[in-house]
Amino acid sequence: MADDEKQPGVPSTGTGGNSGPTGATAGGSEHSERGAVAFSPVEQDRPHAPTVTGRAREGMFGIAGSGDTSGFGGLRLPAYAPAPAERPYGGWFDEVVDETAAALSERGLVAFDDAVAQVTVDRGEMTWYVAREHLPALAQTLRDDQALRFEFLSGVSGVDYGESVPQQLHSVVQLLSMTYRRRLRLEVCLEPDDARCPSLVSVYPTADWHERETWDMFGIVYDGHPSLTRILMPDDWNGHPQLKSYPLGGIPVEYKGAEIPPPDQRRAYT
C-alpha cells in the first residue's frame, strides 16, 4: 500500500516534488489558500559572512611535539563554514520557509529575514540560524500554525567551537513535526561573555531538562526557565565541563586516604 494511502493528506517522505499541506492538497482550507505564498519564494538578503561552525585542526586532538610517528601529526583540516542555501532549497524546505514567513506576517510578529539570519541545507537537513530575541515567537509559530505543526521539541544541546570562532557557543534546538514527518534545526549563536538565550519551556515543556543539561555542561543561561539548576553535575560544582576552556586534567580524586592528582599533574615518563 502506498504511503499516501495509509495516511491520506500526509505528505510522503521523499526529497523531491510537492509535499506538505501547501503542495499535497488542493482543498479549500485557509491553509491551502495560502499555497500561493508557499510557491512564491521569499527573497533572502544575507549580506553577512556565512556562520562558522568549526575551526582549523592541526594534528590529532590538537597535540603537538609528542614524537608522533603515525602521520596524524601532519593532519591539517580547514575550518568549516556551512554555505548559506540558495533557492530552490528542494523538497519541502521551500514550503516550510514560505509558510513560516506567511504565518509570522499574519501574526504581526517579525519578518522572516529578521528572525532567521541564515538558512543552511546540508546532507538532507535544514538548519535556521536564529536571532535569539526572536526565538520564542518563531518557535511558537512553528508549533501552532496548521501548515507547519512542529509539535515536538526532541532536544536542546550546546556546542563550543573554541576561542578562534566568532560566536563560538551555539544553542541547538531540534524540532519534529509528527503530522508531516519533518525535522528542523534551530541554532542560536552566542558569545561566551553574553551566553544568554530565551527559554522555550513555555512553548515546549520538554525543553525543561534539555535546557538544564545544556546550562550544566556549557554555561548557556536560558532566560525565563522555571528552575535552571544543575542536572548532571553536583549543585556545588564549579565550571561547565563541556566548554573548550574547561581543564582536561579533571579534578583530584581521594582514594583510601591518598589523593591522586589530575592526569596533567602526574609524573611524566618521557
Protein backbone atom coordinates (compact mmCIF):
# COMPACT_ATOMS: atom_id res chain seq x y z
CA MET A 1 0.00 0.00 0.00
CA ALA A 2 1.34 3.42 -0.91
CA ASP A 3 2.43 5.77 1.82
CA ASP A 4 -0.20 8.37 0.96
CA GLU A 5 -2.91 5.71 1.02
CA LYS A 6 -2.02 4.78 4.58
CA GLN A 7 -2.35 8.34 5.84
CA PRO A 8 -4.42 10.48 3.50
CA GLY A 9 -3.38 14.11 3.37
CA VAL A 10 0.04 13.44 4.91
CA PRO A 11 3.00 14.16 2.61
CA SER A 12 5.42 11.46 1.57
CA THR A 13 8.94 11.38 2.97
CA GLY A 14 10.62 11.81 -0.39
CA THR A 15 13.03 14.65 -1.00
CA GLY A 16 11.51 15.93 -4.22
CA GLY A 17 8.19 17.07 -5.54
CA ASN A 18 5.36 18.84 -3.78
CA SER A 19 4.87 17.72 -0.21
CA GLY A 20 3.14 19.09 2.87
CA PRO A 21 -0.12 20.97 3.23
CA THR A 22 0.57 23.53 0.52
CA GLY A 23 1.87 21.15 -2.12
CA ALA A 24 -0.06 17.97 -1.47
CA THR A 25 -3.56 19.33 -1.03
CA ALA A 26 -5.80 21.36 -3.27
CA GLY A 27 -8.67 21.74 -0.87
CA GLY A 28 -10.44 24.90 0.17
CA SER A 29 -8.99 25.30 3.66
CA GLU A 30 -7.41 28.57 4.69
CA HIS A 31 -4.01 26.94 4.63
CA SER A 32 -4.33 25.53 1.15
CA GLU A 33 -5.29 29.02 0.01
CA ARG A 34 -2.00 30.20 1.42
CA GLY A 35 -0.34 27.85 -1.06
CA ALA A 36 0.18 30.79 -3.39
CA VAL A 37 2.54 32.19 -0.78
CA ALA A 38 4.38 28.90 -0.46
CA PHE A 39 5.18 28.81 -4.15
CA SER A 40 6.35 32.43 -4.19
CA PRO A 41 9.91 32.25 -2.81
CA VAL A 42 10.82 34.60 -0.02
CA GLU A 43 13.71 36.75 -1.19
CA GLN A 44 16.55 36.38 1.29
CA ASP A 45 19.28 39.02 1.56
CA ARG A 46 22.21 37.64 3.54
CA PRO A 47 24.97 40.26 3.40
CA HIS A 48 26.95 38.82 6.31
CA ALA A 49 29.61 36.13 6.15
CA PRO A 50 28.47 32.51 6.49
CA THR A 51 28.11 31.23 10.03
CA VAL A 52 31.31 29.49 11.12
CA THR A 53 30.75 26.12 12.76
CA GLY A 54 34.24 24.79 13.19
CA ARG A 55 37.89 25.72 13.46
CA ALA A 56 41.06 24.67 11.70
CA ARG A 57 42.65 21.50 13.06
CA GLU A 58 46.32 20.67 13.23
CA GLY A 59 47.42 17.24 14.35
CA MET A 60 45.36 14.68 16.22
CA PHE A 61 43.34 16.22 19.09
CA GLY A 62 45.45 19.38 18.85
CA ILE A 63 48.52 17.63 20.32
CA ALA A 64 51.92 18.77 19.06
CA GLY A 65 55.54 17.83 19.82
CA SER A 66 54.68 14.33 21.04
CA GLY A 67 57.03 12.41 18.76
CA ASP A 68 54.09 11.05 16.81
CA THR A 69 55.11 8.58 14.10
CA SER A 70 51.61 7.69 12.90
CA GLY A 71 51.33 10.59 10.50
CA PHE A 72 48.45 12.21 12.34
CA GLY A 73 50.78 14.96 13.48
CA GLY A 74 50.72 16.32 9.95
CA LEU A 75 46.93 16.44 9.77
CA ARG A 76 45.65 19.80 8.55
CA LEU A 77 41.93 20.50 8.22
CA PRO A 78 40.47 23.94 7.45
CA ALA A 79 37.62 25.45 9.44
CA TYR A 80 34.22 24.50 8.08
CA ALA A 81 31.56 27.13 7.42
CA PRO A 82 28.21 25.97 6.01
CA ALA A 83 27.32 27.90 2.90
CA PRO A 84 24.01 29.78 3.04
CA ALA A 85 21.49 27.85 0.97
CA GLU A 86 20.02 29.40 -2.14
CA ARG A 87 16.63 28.93 -3.73
CA PRO A 88 15.30 26.45 -4.53
CA TYR A 89 16.19 24.50 -1.41
CA GLY A 90 14.47 21.38 -2.71
CA GLY A 91 11.71 19.12 -1.45
CA TRP A 92 9.56 20.56 1.32
CA PHE A 93 12.19 23.02 2.54
CA ASP A 94 10.93 25.90 0.38
CA GLU A 95 7.37 25.33 1.56
CA VAL A 96 8.30 25.45 5.23
CA VAL A 97 10.23 28.69 4.79
CA ASP A 98 7.38 30.31 2.86
CA GLU A 99 4.68 29.07 5.24
CA THR A 100 6.69 30.33 8.22
CA ALA A 101 7.20 33.74 6.61
CA ALA A 102 3.47 33.96 5.86
CA ALA A 103 2.49 32.86 9.40
CA LEU A 104 4.84 35.38 11.03
CA SER A 105 3.42 38.13 8.84
CA GLU A 106 -0.20 37.16 9.61
CA ARG A 107 0.52 37.32 13.33
CA GLY A 108 2.29 40.67 13.00
CA LEU A 109 5.37 39.30 14.75
CA VAL A 110 8.58 39.70 12.78
CA ALA A 111 9.77 39.37 9.22
CA PHE A 112 11.33 36.01 8.44
CA ASP A 113 14.57 37.64 7.28
CA ASP A 114 14.85 39.48 10.61
CA ALA A 115 14.28 36.33 12.65
CA VAL A 116 16.47 33.98 10.60
CA ALA A 117 19.95 35.19 9.70
CA GLN A 118 20.86 32.19 7.57
CA VAL A 119 19.25 29.09 6.09
CA THR A 120 21.54 26.12 5.52
CA VAL A 121 20.65 22.87 3.77
CA ASP A 122 23.26 20.17 4.15
CA ARG A 123 23.09 16.37 3.97
CA GLY A 124 19.33 16.41 3.57
CA GLU A 125 18.78 18.54 6.69
CA MET A 126 17.75 22.17 7.10
CA THR A 127 19.15 24.49 9.77
CA TRP A 128 17.99 28.01 10.57
CA TYR A 129 20.40 30.33 12.38
CA VAL A 130 18.02 32.38 14.51
CA ALA A 131 18.37 35.77 16.21
CA ARG A 132 17.93 34.94 19.88
CA GLU A 133 15.39 37.69 20.60
CA HIS A 134 13.02 36.19 18.02
CA LEU A 135 13.45 32.53 19.02
CA PRO A 136 10.29 32.17 21.20
CA ALA A 137 7.99 33.83 18.65
CA LEU A 138 9.43 31.74 15.85
CA ALA A 139 9.16 28.51 17.84
CA GLN A 140 5.55 29.17 18.81
CA THR A 141 4.66 29.91 15.19
CA LEU A 142 6.28 26.67 14.08
CA ARG A 143 4.31 24.81 16.73
CA ASP A 144 0.87 26.41 16.30
CA ASP A 145 0.49 27.08 12.59
CA GLN A 146 -1.59 24.34 10.96
CA ALA A 147 0.60 24.33 7.86
CA LEU A 148 3.75 23.74 9.94
CA ARG A 149 2.83 21.80 13.09
CA PHE A 150 6.27 21.22 14.60
CA GLU A 151 4.61 19.86 17.72
CA PHE A 152 7.56 18.22 19.42
CA LEU A 153 10.89 19.55 20.68
CA SER A 154 13.12 16.49 20.74
CA GLY A 155 16.22 18.10 22.19
CA VAL A 156 18.23 21.17 23.16
CA SER A 157 22.01 20.91 23.16
CA GLY A 158 25.08 23.10 23.07
CA VAL A 159 28.26 23.37 21.02
CA ASP A 160 31.51 25.17 21.82
CA TYR A 161 33.63 25.67 18.70
CA GLY A 162 36.57 27.21 20.53
CA GLU A 163 38.09 30.64 21.01
CA SER A 164 39.12 31.10 17.37
CA VAL A 165 35.50 31.01 16.17
CA PRO A 166 33.24 34.09 16.35
CA GLN A 167 30.11 33.47 18.41
CA GLN A 168 31.67 30.19 19.47
CA LEU A 169 28.75 28.98 21.59
CA HIS A 170 25.68 27.59 19.84
CA SER A 171 22.38 26.60 21.40
CA VAL A 172 20.81 23.96 19.16
CA VAL A 173 17.09 23.13 19.13
CA GLN A 174 15.75 20.05 17.34
CA LEU A 175 12.09 20.22 16.26
CA LEU A 176 9.91 17.44 14.89
CA SER A 177 6.61 17.62 13.06
CA MET A 178 4.86 14.33 13.75
CA THR A 179 1.99 15.40 11.50
CA TYR A 180 4.11 15.97 8.39
CA ARG A 181 7.14 13.86 9.37
CA ARG A 182 9.64 16.68 9.09
CA ARG A 183 12.64 17.74 11.15
CA LEU A 184 14.03 21.24 11.55
CA ARG A 185 17.07 22.50 13.44
CA LEU A 186 17.22 25.97 15.00
CA GLU A 187 20.58 27.35 16.16
CA VAL A 188 21.32 30.48 18.17
CA CYS A 189 24.92 31.73 18.07
CA LEU A 190 26.28 33.33 21.25
CA GLU A 191 29.41 34.93 22.63
CA PRO A 192 30.88 33.39 25.81
CA ASP A 193 30.66 36.68 27.70
CA ASP A 194 26.96 37.01 26.82
CA ALA A 195 25.83 33.39 26.76
CA ARG A 196 22.12 34.01 27.29
CA CYS A 197 19.24 32.61 25.28
CA PRO A 198 15.46 32.76 25.77
CA SER A 199 13.97 29.62 27.26
CA LEU A 200 11.45 27.60 25.23
CA VAL A 201 9.88 25.83 28.21
CA SER A 202 6.72 27.94 27.92
CA VAL A 203 6.34 26.81 24.29
CA TYR A 204 7.71 23.26 24.56
CA PRO A 205 7.64 21.85 28.13
CA THR A 206 10.09 19.13 27.04
CA ALA A 207 12.76 21.83 26.84
CA ASP A 208 12.93 21.89 30.67
CA TRP A 209 15.51 19.18 31.33
CA HIS A 210 17.28 19.72 27.99
CA GLU A 211 17.97 23.37 28.81
CA ARG A 212 19.13 22.45 32.30
CA GLU A 213 21.62 19.96 30.86
CA THR A 214 22.90 22.47 28.30
CA TRP A 215 23.39 25.08 31.01
CA ASP A 216 25.08 22.50 33.23
CA MET A 217 27.54 21.43 30.52
CA PHE A 218 28.06 24.66 28.53
CA GLY A 219 27.01 27.52 30.81
CA ILE A 220 24.34 28.88 28.46
CA VAL A 221 21.78 30.72 30.60
CA TYR A 222 18.18 30.22 29.44
CA ASP A 223 16.26 33.32 30.48
CA GLY A 224 12.76 32.50 31.68
CA HIS A 225 13.49 28.90 32.64
CA PRO A 226 11.43 27.94 35.71
CA SER A 227 14.32 26.25 37.55
CA LEU A 228 17.71 26.45 35.87
CA THR A 229 19.67 24.17 38.19
CA ARG A 230 22.32 21.53 37.54
CA ILE A 231 21.04 18.17 36.38
CA LEU A 232 24.20 16.09 35.77
CA MET A 233 26.87 17.63 37.99
CA PRO A 234 26.61 18.25 41.77
CA ASP A 235 24.98 21.50 42.79
CA ASP A 236 28.27 22.91 44.12
CA TRP A 237 30.28 22.06 41.01
CA ASN A 238 32.49 24.82 39.58
CA GLY A 239 32.54 25.35 35.84
CA HIS A 240 30.86 23.73 32.86
CA PRO A 241 32.65 20.54 31.76
CA GLN A 242 31.97 20.59 28.01
CA LEU A 243 33.39 24.04 27.37
CA LYS A 244 36.64 24.06 25.40
CA SER A 245 38.15 26.21 28.17
CA TYR A 246 37.43 23.59 30.83
CA PRO A 247 40.69 21.91 32.00
CA LEU A 248 41.18 18.42 30.60
CA GLY A 249 43.12 17.32 33.67
CA GLY A 250 39.99 16.83 35.71
CA ILE A 251 39.97 17.13 39.49
CA PRO A 252 41.92 15.41 42.28
CA VAL A 253 40.46 12.08 43.44
CA GLU A 254 40.60 10.82 47.04
CA TYR A 255 41.30 7.09 47.37
CA LYS A 256 41.76 5.38 50.76
CA GLY A 257 43.26 8.41 52.39
CA ALA A 258 45.53 9.28 49.46
CA GLU A 259 44.93 11.98 46.91
CA ILE A 260 45.54 11.21 43.25
CA PRO A 261 46.28 14.36 41.22
CA PRO A 262 44.71 15.09 37.86
CA PRO A 263 46.39 13.40 34.88
CA ASP A 264 48.07 16.59 33.69
CA GLN A 265 49.80 16.96 37.08
CA ARG A 266 51.11 13.41 37.42
CA ARG A 267 54.70 12.35 36.80
CA ALA A 268 55.66 12.12 33.13
CA TYR A 269 57.81 9.22 31.98
CA THR A 270 59.10 10.80 28.77
